[in-house]
């Protein structure tokens, strides 16, 4: 009875410890306590702003993106699954300790037939090796390896997709800041032209209608400045959600649109797409899984085996040697027994045949998906490269248009002061400069986004 009480004490102590650890972990994480709603003017956004490059934004986004972290977690889970599958091919070992306390009948034996006495002790060291039909084709390790390859491909797909998202939001903020600066310049120009028109009206050189039109232009530029500020704040918020675990708008981004990267030649881009494309690798991994499924379904027709070894004690005394009776000599109690088993499938009403047909259908579908993925990648490669090339070619034109629009505004301003240009020409020149500068910034950002789209197929170049 002391032995039984000792075992019960151990079990109860373990259960109490498990409950204490669970309560401690639950108290350490409180979802309501983690929720923080920070306003733009909160202390978390005070202090000098943090300056971020595109590379800094990429690094922060990877740390705080649920989609990318989910893909990264899937890779770690797949790695552990591969370790478990490899370990499952090895023999398993265990130890069993039992004490069977049976009510006696006064004759030294128990009242239950299946028990060999009042006190029965079991102490077994167990070793076993199941040998199913899939053991000989290493189905579990191969399946885990293909799952890990698929998880790694999905991780790279998620990473490259995140690069596109961050690039779009990063340069959307840069463009919004440029448009805000352009709106400020346009408002200053409108105020300047309004003052010129008022001075010319006082001298009798222009009509009052010019002053009215410049005043309307000034009012419109004030609205445009407010809208540009709102767009800049929204772009900053969209990027802040990606980069920071808590909402923080106290940061600036580096404007590097004037130093665009060079687009590599097409043959180099195609070589990268053929060797470093995660979509095709994912399709290959799915094809490998489907092909292995056919092999597993076929293996179900073959016998399965098993080996179990038990070594230890099964006696009425917890000792290495004991006497069956007082007249007998001491005999050893330790021993072993081995169980060899073989299971031969005979009849299952067509289940295995149906599973084999199902596996073949999955394999055929995986082959179709693989060829489609290859065609789609090649099509997107041409499309993305052409878009990036067109965007690159348009940068010089957009830059030249912006410079020409600025020069045109200078000339029209001088002509208007000299009475050689009308108010409509001035307004048109001013609007043309604003549109040209905004179009140039948008074209630069579009080229960066097109490069990011292309790198989803090729990786960095």
Protein backbone atom coordinates (compact mmCIF):
# COMPACT_ATOMS: atom_id res chain seq x y z
CA UNK A 1 0.00 0.00 0.00
CA UNK A 2 2.89 2.33 0.63
CA UNK A 3 4.00 1.76 -2.98
CA UNK A 4 0.54 2.69 -4.26
CA UNK A 5 0.40 5.80 -2.07
CA UNK A 6 3.80 6.85 -3.36
CA UNK A 7 2.64 6.56 -6.98
CA UNK A 8 -0.54 8.53 -6.26
CA UNK A 9 1.48 11.30 -4.62
CA UNK A 10 3.69 11.59 -7.68
CA UNK A 11 0.69 11.79 -10.03
CA UNK A 12 -1.10 14.41 -7.93
CA UNK A 13 2.04 16.53 -7.59
CA UNK A 14 2.57 16.46 -11.37
CA UNK A 15 -1.03 17.49 -12.03
CA UNK A 16 -0.79 20.36 -9.56
CA UNK A 17 2.45 21.56 -11.12
CA UNK A 18 0.90 21.44 -14.61
CA UNK A 19 -2.07 23.51 -13.45
CA UNK A 20 0.23 26.07 -11.87
CA UNK A 21 2.31 26.43 -15.04
CA UNK A 22 -0.84 26.79 -17.15
CA UNK A 23 -2.23 29.52 -14.89
CA UNK A 24 1.11 31.34 -14.95
CA UNK A 25 1.23 31.30 -18.76
CA UNK A 26 -2.36 32.48 -19.03
CA UNK A 27 -1.63 35.33 -16.63
CA UNK A 28 1.49 36.30 -18.59
CA UNK A 29 -0.54 36.95 -21.77
CA UNK A 30 -3.73 38.94 -21.56
CA UNK A 31 -5.10 39.95 -24.99
CA UNK A 32 -6.97 42.91 -23.51
CA UNK A 33 -3.82 44.16 -21.81
CA UNK A 34 -1.89 44.00 -25.10
CA UNK A 35 -4.37 46.24 -26.95
CA UNK A 36 -3.03 49.78 -27.37
CA UNK A 37 -4.85 52.52 -29.27
CA UNK A 38 -2.35 55.31 -29.72
CA UNK A 39 -3.32 58.67 -31.16
CA UNK A 40 -0.88 60.55 -33.45
CA UNK A 41 -0.17 63.04 -30.69
CA UNK A 42 0.58 60.46 -27.99
CA UNK A 43 3.96 60.22 -26.19
CA UNK A 44 4.81 57.15 -28.29
CA UNK A 45 5.03 59.46 -31.34
CA UNK A 46 7.09 62.18 -29.63
CA UNK A 47 10.81 62.73 -29.96
CA UNK A 48 12.97 62.94 -33.08
CA UNK A 49 11.53 61.09 -36.08
CA UNK A 50 13.00 57.78 -37.15
CA UNK A 51 14.56 57.87 -40.62
CA UNK A 52 13.89 54.73 -42.64
CA UNK A 53 15.29 53.52 -45.94
CA UNK A 54 13.49 50.98 -48.10
CA UNK A 55 15.74 48.23 -46.72
CA UNK A 56 14.88 49.27 -43.15
CA UNK A 57 11.19 49.19 -44.03
CA UNK A 58 11.54 45.70 -45.50
CA UNK A 59 13.21 44.40 -42.35
CA UNK A 60 10.60 45.90 -40.05
CA UNK A 61 7.75 44.65 -42.21
CA UNK A 62 9.05 41.08 -42.06
CA UNK A 63 9.07 41.23 -38.27
CA UNK A 64 5.52 42.59 -38.00
CA UNK A 65 3.70 41.01 -40.96
CA UNK A 66 1.26 38.26 -39.86
CA UNK A 67 1.28 36.73 -43.36
CA UNK A 68 5.07 36.44 -43.55
CA UNK A 69 5.40 35.27 -39.95
CA UNK A 70 2.73 32.63 -40.62
CA UNK A 71 4.76 31.36 -43.57
CA UNK A 72 7.92 31.41 -41.45
CA UNK A 73 6.16 29.47 -38.70
CA UNK A 74 4.97 26.94 -41.27
CA UNK A 75 8.60 26.35 -42.27
CA UNK A 76 9.64 25.73 -38.66
CA UNK A 77 6.69 23.38 -38.17
CA UNK A 78 7.64 21.53 -41.36
CA UNK A 79 11.22 21.19 -40.11
CA UNK A 80 10.01 19.66 -36.87
CA UNK A 81 7.69 17.39 -38.83
CA UNK A 82 10.63 16.16 -40.88
CA UNK A 83 12.59 15.40 -37.72
CA UNK A 84 9.61 13.50 -36.31
CA UNK A 85 9.13 11.55 -39.54
CA UNK A 86 12.80 10.57 -39.62
CA UNK A 87 12.68 9.51 -35.96
CA UNK A 88 9.55 7.42 -36.62
CA UNK A 89 11.66 5.10 -38.79
CA UNK A 90 13.73 4.11 -35.74
CA UNK A 91 12.76 1.65 -32.98
CA UNK A 92 10.85 3.06 -30.03
CA UNK A 93 11.72 2.35 -26.39
CA UNK A 94 9.70 2.66 -23.24
CA UNK A 95 9.41 1.50 -19.68
CA UNK A 96 6.32 0.27 -17.85
CA UNK A 97 5.98 -0.14 -14.10
CA UNK A 98 2.84 -1.74 -12.63
CA UNK A 99 1.79 -3.06 -9.26
CA UNK A 100 -1.32 -5.27 -9.20
CA UNK A 101 -2.73 -5.54 -5.67
CA UNK A 102 -5.45 -8.23 -5.72
CA UNK A 103 -7.74 -9.15 -2.88
CA UNK A 104 -6.67 -12.52 -1.54
CA UNK A 105 -8.78 -15.63 -0.94
CA UNK A 106 -6.92 -17.00 2.08
CA UNK A 107 -4.95 -19.53 0.01
CA UNK A 108 -2.13 -17.20 -1.13
CA UNK A 109 -3.70 -16.51 -4.50
CA UNK A 110 -5.89 -13.70 -5.77
CA UNK A 111 -9.60 -13.76 -6.40
CA UNK A 112 -9.14 -12.78 -10.07
CA UNK A 113 -8.10 -15.53 -12.45
CA UNK A 114 -6.04 -13.32 -14.75
CA UNK A 115 -3.78 -12.24 -11.87
CA UNK A 116 -1.05 -14.68 -10.83
CA UNK A 117 -1.17 -13.84 -7.15
CA UNK A 118 -2.11 -11.33 -4.53
CA UNK A 119 0.94 -9.18 -5.34
CA UNK A 120 2.05 -8.93 -8.99
CA UNK A 121 4.86 -6.62 -10.13
CA UNK A 122 5.49 -5.57 -13.74
CA UNK A 123 8.70 -3.81 -14.73
CA UNK A 124 9.17 -3.95 -18.48
CA UNK A 125 11.64 -2.35 -20.85
CA UNK A 126 9.83 -2.25 -24.18
CA UNK A 127 11.31 -1.94 -27.67
CA UNK A 128 9.25 -1.99 -30.83
CA UNK A 129 9.62 -1.42 -34.52
CA UNK A 130 6.47 -1.26 -36.65
CA UNK A 131 7.13 -2.15 -40.28
CA UNK A 132 4.14 -1.06 -42.33
CA UNK A 133 4.16 -1.47 -46.08
CA UNK A 134 5.10 2.20 -46.50
CA UNK A 135 8.18 1.73 -44.27
CA UNK A 136 10.24 0.28 -47.12
CA UNK A 137 9.64 3.27 -49.41
CA UNK A 138 10.35 5.76 -46.60
CA UNK A 139 6.97 7.36 -47.13
CA UNK A 140 6.84 9.46 -43.96
CA UNK A 141 10.33 11.06 -44.28
CA UNK A 142 9.79 11.74 -47.98
CA UNK A 143 6.37 13.24 -47.36
CA UNK A 144 7.80 15.45 -44.60
CA UNK A 145 10.65 16.54 -46.88
CA UNK A 146 8.23 17.51 -49.64
CA UNK A 147 6.07 19.38 -47.10
CA UNK A 148 9.14 21.29 -45.93
CA UNK A 149 10.08 22.17 -49.52
CA UNK A 150 6.54 23.42 -50.11
CA UNK A 151 6.62 25.47 -46.90
CA UNK A 152 9.95 27.05 -47.88
CA UNK A 153 8.60 27.92 -51.32
CA UNK A 154 5.49 29.48 -49.75
CA UNK A 155 7.72 31.42 -47.36
CA UNK A 156 9.65 32.89 -50.27
CA UNK A 157 6.40 33.67 -52.09
CA UNK A 158 5.14 35.48 -48.99
CA UNK A 159 8.43 37.35 -48.62
CA UNK A 160 8.44 38.52 -52.23
CA UNK A 161 4.79 39.50 -52.01
CA UNK A 162 5.60 41.51 -48.91
CA UNK A 163 8.38 43.26 -50.83
CA UNK A 164 5.82 44.39 -53.41
CA UNK A 165 3.43 45.63 -50.71
CA UNK A 166 6.12 47.53 -48.80
CA UNK A 167 7.54 49.00 -52.00
CA UNK A 168 4.11 50.26 -53.05
CA UNK A 169 3.32 51.78 -49.65
CA UNK A 170 6.84 53.16 -49.17
CA UNK A 171 6.92 55.01 -52.48
CA UNK A 172 3.26 55.96 -52.15
CA UNK A 173 4.35 57.95 -49.11
CA UNK A 174 7.33 59.41 -51.00
CA UNK A 175 5.07 60.45 -53.88
CA UNK A 176 2.50 61.86 -51.44
CA UNK A 177 5.22 63.94 -49.78
CA UNK A 178 6.37 65.20 -53.18
CA UNK A 179 2.81 66.04 -54.17
CA UNK A 180 2.38 67.90 -50.90
CA UNK A 181 5.56 69.87 -51.59
CA UNK A 182 4.29 70.56 -55.11
CA UNK A 183 0.97 71.74 -53.68
CA UNK A 184 2.84 74.08 -51.34
CA UNK A 185 4.83 75.46 -54.26
CA UNK A 186 1.64 75.83 -56.32
CA UNK A 187 -0.04 77.70 -53.46
CA UNK A 188 2.94 80.02 -53.14
CA UNK A 189 2.91 80.61 -56.93
CA UNK A 190 -0.84 81.30 -56.85
CA UNK A 191 -0.32 83.81 -54.04
CA UNK A 192 2.54 85.38 -56.01
CA UNK A 193 0.49 85.72 -59.21
CA UNK A 194 -2.44 87.11 -57.24
CA UNK A 195 -0.20 89.83 -55.82
CA UNK A 196 1.19 90.57 -59.30
CA UNK A 197 -2.31 90.85 -60.76
CA UNK A 198 -3.43 93.14 -57.92
CA UNK A 199 -0.39 95.37 -58.50
CA UNK A 200 -1.00 95.46 -62.27
CA UNK A 201 -4.69 96.24 -61.68
CA UNK A 202 -3.79 99.21 -59.52
CA UNK A 203 -1.61 100.48 -62.36
CA UNK A 204 -4.45 99.99 -64.84
CA UNK A 205 -2.53 97.41 -66.85
CA UNK A 206 -4.94 94.47 -66.40
CA UNK A 207 -8.65 94.11 -65.78
CA UNK A 208 -10.23 93.08 -62.50
CA UNK A 209 -11.15 89.75 -64.09
CA UNK A 210 -7.50 88.71 -63.92
CA UNK A 211 -7.50 89.30 -60.17
CA UNK A 212 -10.67 87.24 -59.81
CA UNK A 213 -9.25 84.35 -61.79
CA UNK A 214 -6.00 84.35 -59.82
CA UNK A 215 -7.98 84.50 -56.60
CA UNK A 216 -10.02 81.47 -57.73
CA UNK A 217 -6.76 79.72 -58.55
CA UNK A 218 -5.45 80.57 -55.08
CA UNK A 219 -8.56 79.16 -53.40
CA UNK A 220 -8.30 76.01 -55.45
CA UNK A 221 -4.65 75.56 -54.52
CA UNK A 222 -5.55 75.88 -50.84
CA UNK A 223 -7.99 72.99 -51.23
CA UNK A 224 -5.42 71.02 -53.20
CA UNK A 225 -2.89 71.53 -50.39
CA UNK A 226 -5.35 70.22 -47.79
CA UNK A 227 -6.15 67.19 -49.96
CA UNK A 228 -2.44 66.52 -50.49
CA UNK A 229 -1.87 66.69 -46.74
CA UNK A 230 -4.69 64.24 -46.15
CA UNK A 231 -3.31 61.85 -48.77
CA UNK A 232 0.15 62.09 -47.17
CA UNK A 233 -1.25 61.29 -43.72
CA UNK A 234 -3.18 58.29 -45.09
CA UNK A 235 -0.08 57.00 -46.89
CA UNK A 236 1.94 57.36 -43.68
CA UNK A 237 -0.69 55.44 -41.72
CA UNK A 238 -0.78 52.64 -44.30
CA UNK A 239 2.99 52.23 -44.08
CA UNK A 240 3.05 52.53 -40.28
CA UNK A 241 0.66 49.57 -39.97
CA UNK A 242 3.18 47.42 -41.82
CA UNK A 243 6.30 48.57 -40.00
CA UNK A 244 5.54 48.97 -36.31
CA UNK A 245 3.94 46.69 -33.68
CA UNK A 246 2.24 49.77 -32.18
CA UNK A 247 0.87 52.58 -34.32
CA UNK A 248 3.65 55.12 -34.78
CA UNK A 249 3.72 57.95 -37.30
CA UNK A 250 6.88 59.58 -36.01
CA UNK A 251 9.12 58.52 -38.89
CA UNK A 252 10.41 59.80 -42.21
CA UNK A 253 11.35 57.91 -45.34
CA UNK A 254 14.34 58.47 -47.58
CA UNK A 255 13.43 59.78 -51.04
CA UNK A 256 15.67 57.86 -53.43
CA UNK A 257 13.43 58.06 -56.50
CA UNK A 258 16.05 60.09 -58.37
CA UNK A 259 18.52 57.16 -58.27
CA UNK A 260 16.55 54.31 -59.85
CA UNK A 261 18.16 50.85 -60.12
CA UNK A 262 19.11 49.57 -63.56
CA UNK A 263 16.88 47.00 -65.26
CA UNK A 264 19.03 43.94 -66.17
CA UNK A 265 18.93 42.50 -69.71
CA UNK A 266 16.14 40.05 -70.43
CA UNK A 267 18.33 36.96 -70.79
CA UNK A 268 19.66 37.45 -67.26
CA UNK A 269 16.17 37.99 -65.86
CA UNK A 270 14.90 34.86 -67.60
CA UNK A 271 17.77 32.80 -66.22
CA UNK A 272 16.90 33.96 -62.68
CA UNK A 273 13.22 33.13 -63.24
CA UNK A 274 14.13 29.61 -64.39
CA UNK A 275 16.35 28.88 -61.40
CA UNK A 276 14.92 30.92 -58.52
CA UNK A 277 11.15 30.94 -58.94
CA UNK A 278 9.24 29.87 -55.81
CA UNK A 279 5.92 29.32 -57.62
CA UNK A 280 7.45 26.60 -59.78
CA UNK A 281 9.23 25.08 -56.78
CA UNK A 282 5.93 24.95 -54.89
CA UNK A 283 4.26 23.25 -57.86
CA UNK A 284 7.10 20.71 -58.02
CA UNK A 285 6.74 19.98 -54.30
CA UNK A 286 3.01 19.41 -54.73
CA UNK A 287 3.74 17.10 -57.66
CA UNK A 288 6.21 15.12 -55.53
CA UNK A 289 3.61 14.80 -52.78
CA UNK A 290 0.99 13.55 -55.24
CA UNK A 291 3.41 11.05 -56.80
CA UNK A 292 4.30 9.76 -53.35
CA UNK A 293 0.58 9.39 -52.62
CA UNK A 294 0.32 6.94 -55.53
CA UNK A 295 3.23 4.91 -54.13
CA UNK A 296 1.61 4.86 -50.68
CA UNK A 297 -1.69 3.69 -52.15
CA UNK A 298 0.06 0.87 -53.99
CA UNK A 299 1.98 -0.15 -50.88
CA UNK A 300 -1.33 -0.82 -49.12
CA UNK A 301 -1.59 -4.05 -51.17
CA UNK A 302 1.55 -5.48 -49.51
CA UNK A 303 1.91 -7.09 -46.05
CA UNK A 304 2.95 -5.10 -42.98
CA UNK A 305 5.22 -6.39 -40.22
CA UNK A 306 6.01 -5.62 -36.63
CA UNK A 307 8.57 -6.57 -33.97
CA UNK A 308 8.04 -5.97 -30.23
CA UNK A 309 10.56 -6.91 -27.54
CA UNK A 310 9.73 -6.86 -23.82
CA UNK A 311 12.40 -7.45 -21.20
CA UNK A 312 11.87 -7.17 -17.50
CA UNK A 313 9.99 -8.47 -14.51
CA UNK A 314 6.56 -10.14 -14.27
CA UNK A 315 6.50 -11.84 -10.87
CA UNK A 316 4.89 -11.96 -7.43
CA UNK A 317 7.98 -10.38 -5.87
CA UNK A 318 9.75 -7.21 -6.86
CA UNK A 319 13.20 -8.82 -6.94
CA UNK A 320 15.76 -10.16 -9.37
CA UNK A 321 15.48 -13.67 -7.84
CA UNK A 322 12.82 -15.30 -5.69
CA UNK A 323 11.57 -18.70 -4.46
CA UNK A 324 8.31 -20.00 -5.93
CA UNK A 325 7.85 -21.78 -2.59
CA UNK A 326 9.85 -22.21 0.61
CA UNK A 327 11.16 -25.58 -0.53
CA UNK A 328 12.35 -24.34 -3.95
CA UNK A 329 15.66 -22.71 -4.76
CA UNK A 330 15.94 -19.10 -5.79
CA UNK A 331 15.24 -18.64 -9.51
CA UNK A 332 15.73 -15.54 -11.71
CA UNK A 333 12.67 -13.42 -12.38
CA UNK A 334 14.03 -11.27 -15.22
CA UNK A 335 13.32 -12.42 -18.77
CA UNK A 336 12.15 -11.40 -22.20
CA UNK A 337 9.65 -12.27 -24.86
CA UNK A 338 9.49 -11.17 -28.52
CA UNK A 339 6.37 -10.80 -30.64
CA UNK A 340 6.69 -11.07 -34.41
CA UNK A 341 3.62 -10.09 -36.38
CA UNK A 342 2.63 -9.99 -40.05
CA UNK A 343 -0.60 -8.56 -41.39
CA UNK A 344 -1.61 -9.58 -44.92
CA UNK A 345 -4.42 -7.62 -46.58
CA UNK A 346 -7.02 -9.96 -48.04
CA UNK A 347 -10.29 -8.18 -48.76
CA UNK A 348 -11.52 -4.65 -48.12
CA UNK A 349 -14.47 -4.26 -50.51
CA UNK A 350 -12.49 -2.16 -53.00
CA UNK A 351 -11.21 0.50 -50.59
CA UNK A 352 -7.56 0.15 -51.61
CA UNK A 353 -8.45 0.18 -55.29
CA UNK A 354 -10.51 3.34 -54.79
CA UNK A 355 -7.68 4.99 -52.84
CA UNK A 356 -5.23 4.18 -55.64
CA UNK A 357 -7.52 5.75 -58.26
CA UNK A 358 -7.93 8.80 -56.03
CA UNK A 359 -4.15 9.14 -55.65
CA UNK A 360 -3.68 8.90 -59.43
CA UNK A 361 -6.26 11.63 -59.98
CA UNK A 362 -4.42 13.85 -57.52
CA UNK A 363 -1.15 13.16 -59.33
CA UNK A 364 -2.67 14.03 -62.72
CA UNK A 365 -4.03 17.28 -61.29
CA UNK A 366 -0.64 18.10 -59.76
CA UNK A 367 1.01 17.53 -63.15
CA UNK A 368 -1.49 19.90 -64.77
CA UNK A 369 -0.89 22.52 -62.06
CA UNK A 370 2.86 22.22 -62.58
CA UNK A 371 2.72 22.81 -66.32
CA UNK A 372 0.28 25.67 -65.81
CA UNK A 373 2.57 27.27 -63.22
CA UNK A 374 5.47 27.09 -65.68
CA UNK A 375 3.42 28.71 -68.45
CA UNK A 376 2.07 31.36 -66.10
CA UNK A 377 5.53 32.28 -64.81
CA UNK A 378 6.84 32.64 -68.34
CA UNK A 379 3.87 34.80 -69.32
CA UNK A 380 4.21 37.02 -66.24
CA UNK A 381 7.94 37.30 -66.88
CA UNK A 382 7.38 38.83 -70.31
CA UNK A 383 4.57 41.05 -69.00
CA UNK A 384 6.42 42.36 -65.93
CA UNK A 385 9.64 42.91 -67.85
CA UNK A 386 7.85 44.84 -70.59
CA UNK A 387 6.10 46.99 -67.99
CA UNK A 388 9.37 47.75 -66.22
CA UNK A 389 11.09 48.53 -69.51
CA UNK A 390 8.34 50.91 -70.60
CA UNK A 391 8.34 52.60 -67.20
CA UNK A 392 12.12 52.99 -67.39
CA UNK A 393 11.94 54.48 -70.87
CA UNK A 394 9.27 56.96 -69.79
CA UNK A 395 11.37 58.37 -66.95
CA UNK A 396 13.48 60.53 -69.26
CA UNK A 397 10.37 61.87 -71.00
CA UNK A 398 8.65 62.67 -67.69
CA UNK A 399 11.77 64.36 -66.33
CA UNK A 400 12.10 66.43 -69.51
CA UNK A 401 8.42 67.39 -69.35
CA UNK A 402 8.82 68.54 -65.76
CA UNK A 403 11.82 70.67 -66.66
CA UNK A 404 10.06 72.13 -69.70
CA UNK A 405 6.96 72.95 -67.64
CA UNK A 406 9.08 74.79 -65.06
CA UNK A 407 10.86 76.75 -67.79
CA UNK A 408 7.54 77.53 -69.47
CA UNK A 409 6.11 78.96 -66.24
CA UNK A 410 9.14 81.22 -65.88
CA UNK A 411 8.75 82.54 -69.42
CA UNK A 412 4.99 83.03 -69.14
CA UNK A 413 5.47 84.87 -65.85
CA UNK A 414 7.87 87.31 -67.45
CA UNK A 415 5.55 87.73 -70.44
CA UNK A 416 2.56 88.40 -68.18
CA UNK A 417 4.47 91.05 -66.26
CA UNK A 418 5.36 92.64 -69.59
CA UNK A 419 1.75 92.49 -70.75
CA UNK A 420 2.49 89.96 -73.50
CA UNK A 421 0.60 86.96 -71.99
CA UNK A 422 -2.93 86.50 -70.76
CA UNK A 423 -4.10 85.22 -67.41
CA UNK A 424 -5.26 81.98 -69.03
CA UNK A 425 -1.73 81.31 -70.27
CA UNK A 426 -0.36 81.81 -66.77
CA UNK A 427 -2.94 79.50 -65.21
CA UNK A 428 -2.32 76.87 -67.87
CA UNK A 429 1.45 77.05 -67.33
CA UNK A 430 1.02 76.75 -63.57
CA UNK A 431 -1.33 73.77 -63.84
CA UNK A 432 0.94 72.14 -66.40
CA UNK A 433 3.91 72.38 -64.04
CA UNK A 434 1.94 70.82 -61.17
CA UNK A 435 0.70 67.99 -63.37
CA UNK A 436 4.18 67.37 -64.86
CA UNK A 437 5.90 67.22 -61.46
CA UNK A 438 3.26 64.88 -60.04
CA UNK A 439 3.39 62.69 -63.15
CA UNK A 440 7.19 62.46 -62.90
CA UNK A 441 7.02 61.36 -59.26
CA UNK A 442 4.27 58.84 -60.04
CA UNK A 443 6.32 57.48 -62.96
CA UNK A 444 9.37 57.01 -60.75
CA UNK A 445 7.30 55.15 -58.15
CA UNK A 446 5.66 53.03 -60.87
CA UNK A 447 9.09 51.94 -62.12
CA UNK A 448 10.09 50.84 -58.60
CA UNK A 449 6.82 48.92 -58.22
CA UNK A 450 7.29 47.24 -61.61
CA UNK A 451 10.75 46.13 -60.54
CA UNK A 452 9.30 44.68 -57.32
CA UNK A 453 6.68 42.79 -59.36
CA UNK A 454 9.40 41.42 -61.61
CA UNK A 455 11.47 40.32 -58.62
CA UNK A 456 8.58 38.16 -57.36
CA UNK A 457 9.56 35.87 -60.24
CA UNK A 458 13.33 36.24 -60.18
CA UNK A 459 14.39 37.27 -56.70
CA UNK A 460 16.75 40.17 -56.14
CA UNK A 461 18.99 41.20 -59.03
